[in-house]
């Protein structure tokens, strides 16, 4: 799986430093996980999201942006469930 799309999205959200650390540490560790194929497919199916902003100081992790296909976005995010930490607000 190419994670470049995720790294770019995180960078656009102002999280480039964190994305670089994650990219460095993730080389190979996820591939052996049993859910990797499902996660990989979900990330590959994320539609383009523009004008992303993230707020990690609110009571819920809050992500906002513009997406032309909310149904595809929801389906891709649901492919990453169950989320272990939260709450989240998209």
C-alpha atoms as a PDB file:
ATOM      1  CA  UNK A   1       0.000   0.000   0.000  1.00  0.00           C
ATOM      2  CA  UNK A   2       1.247   3.441  -0.794  1.00  0.00           C
ATOM      3  CA  UNK A   3       0.612   5.726   2.148  1.00  0.00           C
ATOM      4  CA  UNK A   4       1.609   8.858   0.256  1.00  0.00           C
ATOM      5  CA  UNK A   5      -2.000  10.032   0.043  1.00  0.00           C
ATOM      6  CA  UNK A   6      -2.365   9.839   3.826  1.00  0.00           C
ATOM      7  CA  UNK A   7       0.954  11.630   4.412  1.00  0.00           C
ATOM      8  CA  UNK A   8      -0.110  14.430   2.022  1.00  0.00           C
ATOM      9  CA  UNK A   9      -3.503  14.796   3.702  1.00  0.00           C
ATOM     10  CA  UNK A  10      -1.891  15.005   7.128  1.00  0.00           C
ATOM     11  CA  UNK A  11       0.624  17.534   5.845  1.00  0.00           C
ATOM     12  CA  UNK A  12      -2.172  19.702   4.395  1.00  0.00           C
ATOM     13  CA  UNK A  13      -3.896  19.568   7.774  1.00  0.00           C
ATOM     14  CA  UNK A  14      -0.810  21.073   9.392  1.00  0.00           C
ATOM     15  CA  UNK A  15       0.328  17.717  10.764  1.00  0.00           C
ATOM     16  CA  UNK A  16       3.391  17.272   8.547  1.00  0.00           C
ATOM     17  CA  UNK A  17       5.811  16.759  11.417  1.00  0.00           C
ATOM     18  CA  UNK A  18       3.629  14.060  12.941  1.00  0.00           C
ATOM     19  CA  UNK A  19       3.087  12.448   9.510  1.00  0.00           C
ATOM     20  CA  UNK A  20       6.849  12.281   8.961  1.00  0.00           C
ATOM     21  CA  UNK A  21       7.316  10.534  12.309  1.00  0.00           C
ATOM     22  CA  UNK A  22       4.477   8.133  11.588  1.00  0.00           C
ATOM     23  CA  UNK A  23       5.822   7.389   8.117  1.00  0.00           C
ATOM     24  CA  UNK A  24       9.278   6.662   9.500  1.00  0.00           C
ATOM     25  CA  UNK A  25       7.976   4.324  12.185  1.00  0.00           C
ATOM     26  CA  UNK A  26       5.317   2.549  10.129  1.00  0.00           C
ATOM     27  CA  UNK A  27       7.587   1.002   7.506  1.00  0.00           C
ATOM     28  CA  UNK A  28       6.381  -2.574   7.620  1.00  0.00           C
ATOM     29  CA  UNK A  29       4.773  -2.896  11.054  1.00  0.00           C
ATOM     30  CA  UNK A  30       1.198  -2.751   9.763  1.00  0.00           C
ATOM     31  CA  UNK A  31       1.644  -5.219   6.925  1.00  0.00           C
ATOM     32  CA  UNK A  32       1.675  -8.205   9.270  1.00  0.00           C
ATOM     33  CA  UNK A  33      -1.523  -7.145  11.063  1.00  0.00           C
ATOM     34  CA  UNK A  34      -4.613  -9.227  10.262  1.00  0.00           C
ATOM     35  CA  UNK A  35      -6.716  -6.145   9.501  1.00  0.00           C
ATOM     36  CA  UNK A  36      -4.129  -4.597   7.176  1.00  0.00           C
ATOM     37  CA  UNK A  37      -5.919  -5.519   3.910  1.00  0.00           C
ATOM     38  CA  UNK A  38      -9.167  -3.927   5.137  1.00  0.00           C
ATOM     39  CA  UNK A  39      -7.392  -0.811   6.428  1.00  0.00           C
ATOM     40  CA  UNK A  40      -5.397  -0.523   3.228  1.00  0.00           C
ATOM     41  CA  UNK A  41      -8.552  -0.726   1.099  1.00  0.00           C
ATOM     42  CA  UNK A  42     -10.315   1.877   3.257  1.00  0.00           C
ATOM     43  CA  UNK A  43      -7.433   4.328   2.939  1.00  0.00           C
ATOM     44  CA  UNK A  44      -7.145   3.710  -0.801  1.00  0.00           C
ATOM     45  CA  UNK A  45     -10.864   4.498  -1.178  1.00  0.00           C
ATOM     46  CA  UNK A  46     -10.781   7.813   0.666  1.00  0.00           C
ATOM     47  CA  UNK A  47     -12.082  10.481  -1.702  1.00  0.00           C
ATOM     48  CA  UNK A  48     -10.272  13.787  -2.051  1.00  0.00           C
ATOM     49  CA  UNK A  49     -10.755  16.074   0.908  1.00  0.00           C
ATOM     50  CA  UNK A  50      -9.921  19.747   0.510  1.00  0.00           C
ATOM     51  CA  UNK A  51      -9.336  22.494   3.038  1.00  0.00           C
ATOM     52  CA  UNK A  52      -8.745  20.078   5.893  1.00  0.00           C
ATOM     53  CA  UNK A  53      -8.488  21.355   9.424  1.00  0.00           C
ATOM     54  CA  UNK A  54      -7.937  19.403  12.620  1.00  0.00           C
ATOM     55  CA  UNK A  55      -8.604  20.332  16.222  1.00  0.00           C
ATOM     56  CA  UNK A  56      -7.114  18.094  18.891  1.00  0.00           C
ATOM     57  CA  UNK A  57      -7.917  20.488  21.747  1.00  0.00           C
ATOM     58  CA  UNK A  58     -11.709  20.119  21.616  1.00  0.00           C
ATOM     59  CA  UNK A  59     -13.565  17.517  23.746  1.00  0.00           C
ATOM     60  CA  UNK A  60     -13.715  15.368  20.580  1.00  0.00           C
ATOM     61  CA  UNK A  61     -10.993  14.977  17.955  1.00  0.00           C
ATOM     62  CA  UNK A  62     -12.484  17.220  15.272  1.00  0.00           C
ATOM     63  CA  UNK A  63     -11.678  17.055  11.558  1.00  0.00           C
ATOM     64  CA  UNK A  64     -13.313  19.310   8.998  1.00  0.00           C
ATOM     65  CA  UNK A  65     -12.928  19.692   5.261  1.00  0.00           C
ATOM     66  CA  UNK A  66     -14.675  19.753   1.923  1.00  0.00           C
ATOM     67  CA  UNK A  67     -15.520  16.505   0.158  1.00  0.00           C
ATOM     68  CA  UNK A  68     -17.665  16.111  -2.932  1.00  0.00           C
ATOM     69  CA  UNK A  69     -18.634  12.509  -2.119  1.00  0.00           C
ATOM     70  CA  UNK A  70     -19.709  12.271   1.513  1.00  0.00           C
ATOM     71  CA  UNK A  71     -21.058   8.748   0.965  1.00  0.00           C
ATOM     72  CA  UNK A  72     -17.661   7.485  -0.215  1.00  0.00           C
ATOM     73  CA  UNK A  73     -15.978   9.299   2.668  1.00  0.00           C
ATOM     74  CA  UNK A  74     -18.304   7.699   5.197  1.00  0.00           C
ATOM     75  CA  UNK A  75     -17.853   4.225   3.665  1.00  0.00           C
ATOM     76  CA  UNK A  76     -14.052   4.569   3.706  1.00  0.00           C
ATOM     77  CA  UNK A  77     -14.033   5.781   7.319  1.00  0.00           C
ATOM     78  CA  UNK A  78     -16.353   2.959   8.349  1.00  0.00           C
ATOM     79  CA  UNK A  79     -13.799   0.569   6.836  1.00  0.00           C
ATOM     80  CA  UNK A  80     -11.432   1.684   9.592  1.00  0.00           C
ATOM     81  CA  UNK A  81     -13.887   0.827  12.403  1.00  0.00           C
ATOM     82  CA  UNK A  82     -13.943   0.044  15.219  1.00  0.00           C
ATOM     83  CA  UNK A  83     -12.144   3.125  16.393  1.00  0.00           C
ATOM     84  CA  UNK A  84     -10.474   2.415  19.695  1.00  0.00           C
ATOM     85  CA  UNK A  85      -9.998   5.962  20.886  1.00  0.00           C
ATOM     86  CA  UNK A  86     -12.240   8.922  20.671  1.00  0.00           C
ATOM     87  CA  UNK A  87     -14.613  10.601  20.633  1.00  0.00           C
ATOM     88  CA  UNK A  88     -14.343  11.782  17.034  1.00  0.00           C
ATOM     89  CA  UNK A  89     -16.231  14.429  15.095  1.00  0.00           C
ATOM     90  CA  UNK A  90     -15.936  14.532  11.309  1.00  0.00           C
END
